[in-house]
Amino acid sequence: MVNEPWLSEDEQQAWRSHLLMWKRLEAHLSRHLQREFGLSASDFEILVNLSESATGRMRAFELGEATQWEKSRMSHHLSRMEKRGLIAKVACDARYPEIAITEQGLEAIRACAPAHAALVRELVVDVLGTNRMVALGEAADEVVAAVEKHQQTTCPPEVRGDG
């Protein structure tokens, strides 16, 4: 590891390009979801997780782990989704209810997922090609592992959310 904290000019340019790409891509995909299907990116993320669950249900803390959301954000968003009929809170043996995708939520994800996937293909997969997509996935996994290692070792507890 280099002791110099500053990024080189090339590193800085690459980092800023990455940030710009991600912000524009995320905003563009979000606008499509909202305008074409009436779903926010957050709605979509919750519905994807629930629809991919074997039972169509998850505990709120599991959804929080999957989305990396804070507990209060999750709680507020689930309440909004429940009011719109996309999810339901279902009593279970545990202290807190499970979050279940409703038929309306399933219909919403079935309607928008193919269009969303096609747009991701057009804007990312087809642009990068298979080899660079694989490399991107590998690089992303390495960065996630580095973040997790940092959180477990030198990251202050108040930053990790433990403090």
N, C-alpha and C. Protein backbone atom coordinates (compact mmCIF):
# COMPACT_ATOMS: atom_id res chain seq x y z
N MET A 1 0.84 -1.18 0.00
CA MET A 1 0.00 0.00 0.00
C MET A 1 0.89 1.24 0.00
N VAL A 2 0.55 2.20 -0.78
CA VAL A 2 1.31 3.44 -0.88
C VAL A 2 0.99 4.31 0.34
N ASN A 3 2.03 4.95 0.91
CA ASN A 3 1.82 5.79 2.09
C ASN A 3 1.18 7.13 1.75
N GLU A 4 1.32 7.56 0.50
CA GLU A 4 0.75 8.83 0.05
C GLU A 4 -0.77 8.74 0.06
N PRO A 5 -1.47 9.64 0.80
CA PRO A 5 -2.94 9.56 0.84
C PRO A 5 -3.62 10.04 -0.43
N TRP A 6 -2.96 10.88 -1.20
CA TRP A 6 -3.60 11.45 -2.38
C TRP A 6 -3.59 10.49 -3.54
N LEU A 7 -4.59 10.60 -4.38
CA LEU A 7 -4.65 9.80 -5.59
C LEU A 7 -3.82 10.46 -6.68
N SER A 8 -3.22 9.65 -7.51
CA SER A 8 -2.51 10.21 -8.66
C SER A 8 -3.54 10.83 -9.60
N GLU A 9 -3.08 11.57 -10.57
CA GLU A 9 -4.00 12.19 -11.53
C GLU A 9 -4.83 11.13 -12.25
N ASP A 10 -4.18 10.06 -12.68
CA ASP A 10 -4.90 8.99 -13.37
C ASP A 10 -5.90 8.29 -12.43
N GLU A 11 -5.48 8.06 -11.18
CA GLU A 11 -6.38 7.43 -10.21
C GLU A 11 -7.57 8.33 -9.91
N GLN A 12 -7.30 9.62 -9.75
CA GLN A 12 -8.38 10.58 -9.48
C GLN A 12 -9.37 10.62 -10.65
N GLN A 13 -8.86 10.64 -11.87
CA GLN A 13 -9.72 10.67 -13.04
C GLN A 13 -10.57 9.40 -13.13
N ALA A 14 -9.95 8.26 -12.88
CA ALA A 14 -10.69 6.98 -12.92
C ALA A 14 -11.76 6.95 -11.84
N TRP A 15 -11.42 7.41 -10.63
CA TRP A 15 -12.38 7.42 -9.52
C TRP A 15 -13.56 8.33 -9.84
N ARG A 16 -13.28 9.52 -10.35
CA ARG A 16 -14.35 10.46 -10.68
C ARG A 16 -15.21 9.95 -11.83
N SER A 17 -14.58 9.29 -12.80
CA SER A 17 -15.35 8.68 -13.89
C SER A 17 -16.29 7.61 -13.36
N HIS A 18 -15.77 6.80 -12.43
CA HIS A 18 -16.60 5.77 -11.81
C HIS A 18 -17.79 6.39 -11.09
N LEU A 19 -17.54 7.44 -10.30
CA LEU A 19 -18.63 8.09 -9.56
C LEU A 19 -19.67 8.69 -10.50
N LEU A 20 -19.21 9.37 -11.53
CA LEU A 20 -20.13 9.96 -12.50
C LEU A 20 -20.96 8.89 -13.20
N MET A 21 -20.28 7.81 -13.63
CA MET A 21 -20.98 6.71 -14.29
C MET A 21 -22.07 6.15 -13.38
N TRP A 22 -21.71 5.86 -12.14
CA TRP A 22 -22.67 5.25 -11.23
C TRP A 22 -23.84 6.18 -10.95
N LYS A 23 -23.57 7.46 -10.69
CA LYS A 23 -24.65 8.41 -10.40
C LYS A 23 -25.60 8.54 -11.59
N ARG A 24 -25.04 8.69 -12.78
CA ARG A 24 -25.90 8.84 -13.97
C ARG A 24 -26.68 7.57 -14.27
N LEU A 25 -26.02 6.43 -14.17
CA LEU A 25 -26.69 5.17 -14.43
C LEU A 25 -27.81 4.93 -13.43
N GLU A 26 -27.51 5.12 -12.15
CA GLU A 26 -28.51 4.91 -11.11
C GLU A 26 -29.70 5.85 -11.29
N ALA A 27 -29.43 7.13 -11.56
CA ALA A 27 -30.52 8.09 -11.76
C ALA A 27 -31.34 7.73 -13.00
N HIS A 28 -30.68 7.34 -14.07
CA HIS A 28 -31.38 7.01 -15.31
C HIS A 28 -32.27 5.77 -15.13
N LEU A 29 -31.72 4.73 -14.52
CA LEU A 29 -32.50 3.52 -14.26
C LEU A 29 -33.67 3.82 -13.33
N SER A 30 -33.43 4.65 -12.33
CA SER A 30 -34.49 5.02 -11.38
C SER A 30 -35.62 5.77 -12.07
N ARG A 31 -35.27 6.70 -12.96
CA ARG A 31 -36.31 7.44 -13.68
C ARG A 31 -37.16 6.51 -14.54
N HIS A 32 -36.52 5.55 -15.18
CA HIS A 32 -37.29 4.59 -15.99
C HIS A 32 -38.26 3.80 -15.11
N LEU A 33 -37.78 3.30 -13.97
CA LEU A 33 -38.66 2.54 -13.08
C LEU A 33 -39.84 3.40 -12.63
N GLN A 34 -39.56 4.64 -12.25
CA GLN A 34 -40.61 5.52 -11.75
C GLN A 34 -41.61 5.88 -12.83
N ARG A 35 -41.12 6.31 -13.97
CA ARG A 35 -42.01 6.81 -15.02
C ARG A 35 -42.75 5.71 -15.76
N GLU A 36 -42.10 4.57 -15.96
CA GLU A 36 -42.74 3.50 -16.73
C GLU A 36 -43.56 2.56 -15.86
N PHE A 37 -43.18 2.42 -14.58
CA PHE A 37 -43.84 1.40 -13.76
C PHE A 37 -44.35 1.92 -12.41
N GLY A 38 -44.09 3.19 -12.09
CA GLY A 38 -44.56 3.74 -10.83
C GLY A 38 -43.85 3.20 -9.61
N LEU A 39 -42.64 2.67 -9.81
CA LEU A 39 -41.85 2.14 -8.69
C LEU A 39 -40.60 2.97 -8.50
N SER A 40 -40.23 3.19 -7.25
CA SER A 40 -38.95 3.82 -6.97
C SER A 40 -37.87 2.74 -7.05
N ALA A 41 -36.63 3.17 -7.14
CA ALA A 41 -35.52 2.21 -7.11
C ALA A 41 -35.53 1.43 -5.80
N SER A 42 -35.93 2.09 -4.72
CA SER A 42 -36.01 1.42 -3.42
C SER A 42 -37.12 0.36 -3.41
N ASP A 43 -38.28 0.68 -4.00
CA ASP A 43 -39.35 -0.32 -4.13
C ASP A 43 -38.82 -1.53 -4.89
N PHE A 44 -38.16 -1.27 -6.00
CA PHE A 44 -37.64 -2.33 -6.85
C PHE A 44 -36.67 -3.21 -6.08
N GLU A 45 -35.78 -2.59 -5.32
CA GLU A 45 -34.79 -3.36 -4.56
C GLU A 45 -35.46 -4.28 -3.55
N ILE A 46 -36.45 -3.80 -2.85
CA ILE A 46 -37.18 -4.62 -1.88
C ILE A 46 -37.93 -5.74 -2.60
N LEU A 47 -38.63 -5.41 -3.67
CA LEU A 47 -39.40 -6.42 -4.41
C LEU A 47 -38.50 -7.49 -5.01
N VAL A 48 -37.33 -7.11 -5.51
CA VAL A 48 -36.40 -8.11 -6.05
C VAL A 48 -35.99 -9.08 -4.95
N ASN A 49 -35.60 -8.55 -3.80
CA ASN A 49 -35.18 -9.42 -2.70
C ASN A 49 -36.29 -10.36 -2.26
N LEU A 50 -37.50 -9.84 -2.12
CA LEU A 50 -38.62 -10.69 -1.69
C LEU A 50 -38.98 -11.70 -2.77
N SER A 51 -38.98 -11.29 -4.03
CA SER A 51 -39.37 -12.21 -5.10
C SER A 51 -38.34 -13.31 -5.30
N GLU A 52 -37.09 -13.06 -4.94
CA GLU A 52 -36.05 -14.08 -5.08
C GLU A 52 -35.93 -14.97 -3.85
N SER A 53 -36.64 -14.62 -2.80
CA SER A 53 -36.67 -15.45 -1.59
C SER A 53 -37.50 -16.70 -1.88
N ALA A 54 -37.09 -17.83 -1.35
CA ALA A 54 -37.79 -19.10 -1.60
C ALA A 54 -39.26 -19.04 -1.17
N THR A 55 -39.54 -18.27 -0.12
CA THR A 55 -40.90 -18.21 0.42
C THR A 55 -41.64 -16.92 0.04
N GLY A 56 -40.93 -15.97 -0.59
CA GLY A 56 -41.54 -14.67 -0.86
C GLY A 56 -41.63 -13.82 0.38
N ARG A 57 -40.93 -14.25 1.43
CA ARG A 57 -40.95 -13.55 2.71
C ARG A 57 -39.54 -13.40 3.25
N MET A 58 -39.34 -12.34 3.98
CA MET A 58 -38.08 -12.12 4.68
C MET A 58 -38.37 -11.32 5.94
N ARG A 59 -37.48 -11.42 6.89
CA ARG A 59 -37.56 -10.56 8.07
C ARG A 59 -37.00 -9.20 7.69
N ALA A 60 -37.46 -8.16 8.35
CA ALA A 60 -37.00 -6.80 8.04
C ALA A 60 -35.49 -6.68 8.21
N PHE A 61 -34.91 -7.33 9.22
CA PHE A 61 -33.47 -7.24 9.41
C PHE A 61 -32.72 -7.93 8.27
N GLU A 62 -33.30 -8.99 7.70
CA GLU A 62 -32.68 -9.64 6.54
C GLU A 62 -32.71 -8.72 5.32
N LEU A 63 -33.82 -8.03 5.14
CA LEU A 63 -33.91 -7.05 4.06
C LEU A 63 -32.89 -5.93 4.28
N GLY A 64 -32.73 -5.53 5.54
CA GLY A 64 -31.74 -4.50 5.87
C GLY A 64 -30.33 -4.94 5.53
N GLU A 65 -30.01 -6.20 5.81
CA GLU A 65 -28.69 -6.72 5.47
C GLU A 65 -28.51 -6.79 3.96
N ALA A 66 -29.55 -7.21 3.25
CA ALA A 66 -29.47 -7.35 1.80
C ALA A 66 -29.33 -6.00 1.11
N THR A 67 -29.99 -4.98 1.64
CA THR A 67 -30.00 -3.66 1.01
C THR A 67 -28.97 -2.70 1.59
N GLN A 68 -28.44 -3.04 2.77
CA GLN A 68 -27.51 -2.16 3.48
C GLN A 68 -28.19 -0.87 3.94
N TRP A 69 -29.48 -0.95 4.23
CA TRP A 69 -30.23 0.22 4.70
C TRP A 69 -30.22 0.27 6.22
N GLU A 70 -30.34 1.47 6.74
CA GLU A 70 -30.51 1.68 8.17
C GLU A 70 -31.91 1.20 8.58
N LYS A 71 -32.05 0.82 9.84
CA LYS A 71 -33.31 0.28 10.35
C LYS A 71 -34.48 1.25 10.16
N SER A 72 -34.26 2.53 10.43
CA SER A 72 -35.36 3.50 10.32
C SER A 72 -35.78 3.69 8.86
N ARG A 73 -34.82 3.73 7.95
CA ARG A 73 -35.16 3.86 6.53
C ARG A 73 -36.00 2.66 6.10
N MET A 74 -35.57 1.46 6.51
CA MET A 74 -36.28 0.25 6.14
C MET A 74 -37.71 0.30 6.68
N SER A 75 -37.86 0.64 7.92
CA SER A 75 -39.18 0.67 8.55
C SER A 75 -40.11 1.64 7.83
N HIS A 76 -39.64 2.85 7.56
CA HIS A 76 -40.46 3.85 6.88
C HIS A 76 -40.82 3.40 5.46
N HIS A 77 -39.85 2.85 4.77
CA HIS A 77 -40.12 2.46 3.38
C HIS A 77 -41.09 1.27 3.32
N LEU A 78 -40.92 0.32 4.21
CA LEU A 78 -41.84 -0.82 4.23
C LEU A 78 -43.26 -0.36 4.53
N SER A 79 -43.41 0.62 5.41
CA SER A 79 -44.75 1.15 5.72
C SER A 79 -45.38 1.77 4.48
N ARG A 80 -44.58 2.52 3.71
CA ARG A 80 -45.11 3.12 2.48
C ARG A 80 -45.49 2.05 1.46
N MET A 81 -44.66 1.02 1.34
CA MET A 81 -44.95 -0.05 0.39
C MET A 81 -46.18 -0.84 0.81
N GLU A 82 -46.35 -1.02 2.11
CA GLU A 82 -47.53 -1.74 2.61
C GLU A 82 -48.80 -0.96 2.29
N LYS A 83 -48.76 0.35 2.47
CA LYS A 83 -49.93 1.18 2.16
C LYS A 83 -50.30 1.10 0.68
N ARG A 84 -49.31 0.88 -0.17
CA ARG A 84 -49.55 0.78 -1.62
C ARG A 84 -49.89 -0.65 -2.04
N GLY A 85 -49.89 -1.60 -1.09
CA GLY A 85 -50.28 -2.97 -1.39
C GLY A 85 -49.20 -3.82 -2.02
N LEU A 86 -47.94 -3.36 -2.01
CA LEU A 86 -46.85 -4.12 -2.63
C LEU A 86 -46.30 -5.20 -1.72
N ILE A 87 -46.38 -4.97 -0.42
CA ILE A 87 -45.92 -5.94 0.57
C ILE A 87 -46.95 -6.01 1.69
N ALA A 88 -46.84 -7.05 2.49
CA ALA A 88 -47.69 -7.17 3.68
C ALA A 88 -46.81 -7.63 4.83
N LYS A 89 -47.14 -7.18 6.02
CA LYS A 89 -46.46 -7.64 7.23
C LYS A 89 -47.28 -8.80 7.78
N VAL A 90 -46.63 -9.96 7.92
CA VAL A 90 -47.32 -11.18 8.30
C VAL A 90 -46.80 -11.66 9.64
N ALA A 91 -47.72 -11.86 10.58
CA ALA A 91 -47.33 -12.36 11.90
C ALA A 91 -46.69 -13.73 11.76
N CYS A 92 -45.70 -13.98 12.61
CA CYS A 92 -45.03 -15.29 12.63
C CYS A 92 -44.63 -15.61 14.05
N ASP A 93 -43.92 -16.71 14.25
CA ASP A 93 -43.52 -17.12 15.59
C ASP A 93 -42.52 -16.16 16.24
N ALA A 94 -41.80 -15.43 15.44
CA ALA A 94 -40.78 -14.51 15.96
C ALA A 94 -41.44 -13.24 16.50
N ARG A 95 -40.63 -12.42 17.15
CA ARG A 95 -41.11 -11.18 17.77
C ARG A 95 -41.65 -10.19 16.75
N TYR A 96 -40.97 -10.10 15.60
CA TYR A 96 -41.36 -9.15 14.56
C TYR A 96 -41.96 -9.89 13.38
N PRO A 97 -42.89 -9.25 12.67
CA PRO A 97 -43.53 -9.92 11.53
C PRO A 97 -42.56 -10.11 10.36
N GLU A 98 -42.91 -11.05 9.51
CA GLU A 98 -42.17 -11.22 8.26
C GLU A 98 -42.75 -10.25 7.24
N ILE A 99 -41.93 -9.89 6.28
CA ILE A 99 -42.36 -9.03 5.20
C ILE A 99 -42.60 -9.94 4.00
N ALA A 100 -43.81 -9.91 3.47
CA ALA A 100 -44.18 -10.79 2.36
C ALA A 100 -44.54 -9.97 1.14
N ILE A 101 -44.10 -10.45 0.00
CA ILE A 101 -44.50 -9.80 -1.25
C ILE A 101 -45.95 -10.20 -1.53
N THR A 102 -46.76 -9.25 -1.92
CA THR A 102 -48.17 -9.51 -2.22
C THR A 102 -48.32 -9.85 -3.70
N GLU A 103 -49.52 -10.25 -4.07
CA GLU A 103 -49.78 -10.52 -5.49
C GLU A 103 -49.56 -9.24 -6.31
N GLN A 104 -49.96 -8.12 -5.76
CA GLN A 104 -49.74 -6.83 -6.44
C GLN A 104 -48.24 -6.55 -6.57
N GLY A 105 -47.46 -6.87 -5.55
CA GLY A 105 -46.01 -6.69 -5.62
C GLY A 105 -45.38 -7.62 -6.64
N LEU A 106 -45.88 -8.86 -6.69
CA LEU A 106 -45.39 -9.81 -7.71
C LEU A 106 -45.71 -9.33 -9.12
N GLU A 107 -46.91 -8.83 -9.30
CA GLU A 107 -47.29 -8.30 -10.62
C GLU A 107 -46.39 -7.13 -11.00
N ALA A 108 -46.08 -6.27 -10.04
CA ALA A 108 -45.23 -5.10 -10.31
C ALA A 108 -43.83 -5.52 -10.72
N ILE A 109 -43.25 -6.48 -10.00
CA ILE A 109 -41.88 -6.90 -10.32
C ILE A 109 -41.85 -7.67 -11.64
N ARG A 110 -42.87 -8.47 -11.88
CA ARG A 110 -42.94 -9.20 -13.16
C ARG A 110 -43.09 -8.25 -14.34
N ALA A 111 -43.78 -7.14 -14.13
CA ALA A 111 -43.98 -6.16 -15.20
C ALA A 111 -42.71 -5.38 -15.50
N CYS A 112 -41.97 -4.98 -14.46
CA CYS A 112 -40.84 -4.09 -14.70
C CYS A 112 -39.50 -4.79 -14.83
N ALA A 113 -39.33 -5.97 -14.26
CA ALA A 113 -38.00 -6.63 -14.28
C ALA A 113 -37.47 -6.88 -15.68
N PRO A 114 -38.27 -7.36 -16.62
CA PRO A 114 -37.72 -7.59 -17.97
C PRO A 114 -37.24 -6.30 -18.64
N ALA A 115 -38.00 -5.22 -18.50
CA ALA A 115 -37.61 -3.94 -19.09
C ALA A 115 -36.36 -3.39 -18.41
N HIS A 116 -36.28 -3.55 -17.10
CA HIS A 116 -35.12 -3.10 -16.34
C HIS A 116 -33.87 -3.88 -16.78
N ALA A 117 -34.01 -5.19 -16.86
CA ALA A 117 -32.88 -6.02 -17.29
C ALA A 117 -32.44 -5.66 -18.70
N ALA A 118 -33.39 -5.41 -19.58
CA ALA A 118 -33.05 -5.03 -20.96
C ALA A 118 -32.29 -3.71 -20.99
N LEU A 119 -32.68 -2.78 -20.14
CA LEU A 119 -32.00 -1.49 -20.10
C LEU A 119 -30.58 -1.64 -19.52
N VAL A 120 -30.43 -2.46 -18.48
CA VAL A 120 -29.10 -2.74 -17.93
C VAL A 120 -28.23 -3.40 -19.00
N ARG A 121 -28.81 -4.32 -19.74
CA ARG A 121 -28.06 -4.96 -20.83
C ARG A 121 -27.61 -3.92 -21.85
N GLU A 122 -28.53 -3.06 -22.28
CA GLU A 122 -28.21 -2.05 -23.30
C GLU A 122 -27.14 -1.07 -22.83
N LEU A 123 -27.27 -0.59 -21.59
CA LEU A 123 -26.41 0.47 -21.10
C LEU A 123 -25.09 -0.01 -20.49
N VAL A 124 -25.04 -1.27 -20.05
CA VAL A 124 -23.84 -1.75 -19.36
C VAL A 124 -23.26 -3.00 -20.02
N VAL A 125 -24.04 -4.05 -20.05
CA VAL A 125 -23.54 -5.35 -20.51
C VAL A 125 -23.07 -5.28 -21.96
N ASP A 126 -23.91 -4.75 -22.84
CA ASP A 126 -23.53 -4.67 -24.24
C ASP A 126 -22.38 -3.69 -24.48
N VAL A 127 -22.28 -2.66 -23.67
CA VAL A 127 -21.19 -1.70 -23.79
C VAL A 127 -19.86 -2.32 -23.37
N LEU A 128 -19.87 -3.05 -22.25
CA LEU A 128 -18.63 -3.63 -21.73
C LEU A 128 -18.27 -4.96 -22.37
N GLY A 129 -19.24 -5.75 -22.74
CA GLY A 129 -18.96 -7.09 -23.25
C GLY A 129 -18.72 -8.07 -22.12
N THR A 130 -18.73 -9.34 -22.46
CA THR A 130 -18.66 -10.40 -21.45
C THR A 130 -17.38 -10.35 -20.63
N ASN A 131 -16.23 -10.24 -21.27
CA ASN A 131 -14.96 -10.28 -20.53
C ASN A 131 -14.83 -9.12 -19.55
N ARG A 132 -15.20 -7.92 -19.98
CA ARG A 132 -15.09 -6.78 -19.06
C ARG A 132 -16.17 -6.84 -17.98
N MET A 133 -17.33 -7.43 -18.29
CA MET A 133 -18.36 -7.62 -17.25
C MET A 133 -17.85 -8.56 -16.17
N VAL A 134 -17.21 -9.65 -16.60
CA VAL A 134 -16.64 -10.59 -15.63
C VAL A 134 -15.58 -9.88 -14.79
N ALA A 135 -14.71 -9.11 -15.45
CA ALA A 135 -13.66 -8.38 -14.73
C ALA A 135 -14.28 -7.36 -13.76
N LEU A 136 -15.35 -6.69 -14.20
CA LEU A 136 -16.03 -5.74 -13.33
C LEU A 136 -16.59 -6.44 -12.10
N GLY A 137 -17.22 -7.60 -12.30
CA GLY A 137 -17.75 -8.36 -11.18
C GLY A 137 -16.66 -8.79 -10.21
N GLU A 138 -15.54 -9.24 -10.74
CA GLU A 138 -14.41 -9.64 -9.88
C GLU A 138 -13.87 -8.45 -9.11
N ALA A 139 -13.70 -7.31 -9.79
CA ALA A 139 -13.21 -6.11 -9.13
C ALA A 139 -14.17 -5.66 -8.03
N ALA A 140 -15.47 -5.71 -8.32
CA ALA A 140 -16.48 -5.33 -7.33
C ALA A 140 -16.41 -6.23 -6.11
N ASP A 141 -16.27 -7.53 -6.33
CA ASP A 141 -16.15 -8.47 -5.21
C ASP A 141 -14.93 -8.17 -4.35
N GLU A 142 -13.82 -7.80 -4.98
CA GLU A 142 -12.60 -7.48 -4.24
C GLU A 142 -12.77 -6.21 -3.41
N VAL A 143 -13.45 -5.21 -3.97
CA VAL A 143 -13.70 -3.97 -3.22
C VAL A 143 -14.63 -4.25 -2.04
N VAL A 144 -15.68 -5.04 -2.25
CA VAL A 144 -16.59 -5.39 -1.16
C VAL A 144 -15.82 -6.12 -0.05
N ALA A 145 -14.95 -7.03 -0.42
CA ALA A 145 -14.15 -7.76 0.57
C ALA A 145 -13.24 -6.80 1.34
N ALA A 146 -12.66 -5.82 0.65
CA ALA A 146 -11.80 -4.83 1.32
C ALA A 146 -12.59 -3.99 2.30
N VAL A 147 -13.82 -3.59 1.91
CA VAL A 147 -14.67 -2.82 2.81
C VAL A 147 -15.02 -3.65 4.04
N GLU A 148 -15.40 -4.91 3.84
CA GLU A 148 -15.74 -5.78 4.97
C GLU A 148 -14.55 -5.98 5.90
N LYS A 149 -13.36 -6.16 5.34
CA LYS A 149 -12.15 -6.30 6.16
C LYS A 149 -11.91 -5.03 6.96
N HIS A 150 -12.05 -3.88 6.32
CA HIS A 150 -11.87 -2.60 7.01
C HIS A 150 -12.87 -2.47 8.16
N GLN A 151 -14.12 -2.83 7.91
CA GLN A 151 -15.15 -2.73 8.94
C GLN A 151 -14.83 -3.63 10.13
N GLN A 152 -14.20 -4.76 9.88
CA GLN A 152 -13.90 -5.71 10.95
C GLN A 152 -12.58 -5.42 11.67
N THR A 153 -11.77 -4.52 11.11
CA THR A 153 -10.45 -4.29 11.71
C THR A 153 -10.26 -2.85 12.16
N THR A 154 -9.99 -1.95 11.25
CA THR A 154 -9.58 -0.59 11.62
C THR A 154 -10.68 0.45 11.57
N CYS A 155 -11.87 0.10 11.19
CA CYS A 155 -12.98 1.05 11.09
C CYS A 155 -13.51 1.38 12.50
N PRO A 156 -13.63 2.67 12.83
CA PRO A 156 -14.17 3.03 14.15
C PRO A 156 -15.60 2.50 14.33
N PRO A 157 -15.95 2.05 15.53
CA PRO A 157 -17.29 1.49 15.77
C PRO A 157 -18.43 2.42 15.37
N GLU A 158 -18.27 3.73 15.60
CA GLU A 158 -19.36 4.65 15.27
C GLU A 158 -19.56 4.77 13.76
N VAL A 159 -18.54 4.47 12.97
CA VAL A 159 -18.66 4.47 11.52
C VAL A 159 -19.32 3.17 11.06
N ARG A 160 -18.94 2.08 11.70
CA ARG A 160 -19.52 0.77 11.36
C ARG A 160 -20.99 0.71 11.72
N GLY A 161 -21.42 1.53 12.68
CA GLY A 161 -22.79 1.46 13.15
C GLY A 161 -22.90 0.70 14.45
N ASP A 162 -21.75 0.33 15.03
CA ASP A 162 -21.74 -0.43 16.29
C ASP A 162 -21.72 0.48 17.52
N GLY A 163 -21.32 1.72 17.31
CA GLY A 163 -21.05 2.59 18.48
C GLY A 163 -22.17 3.45 18.90
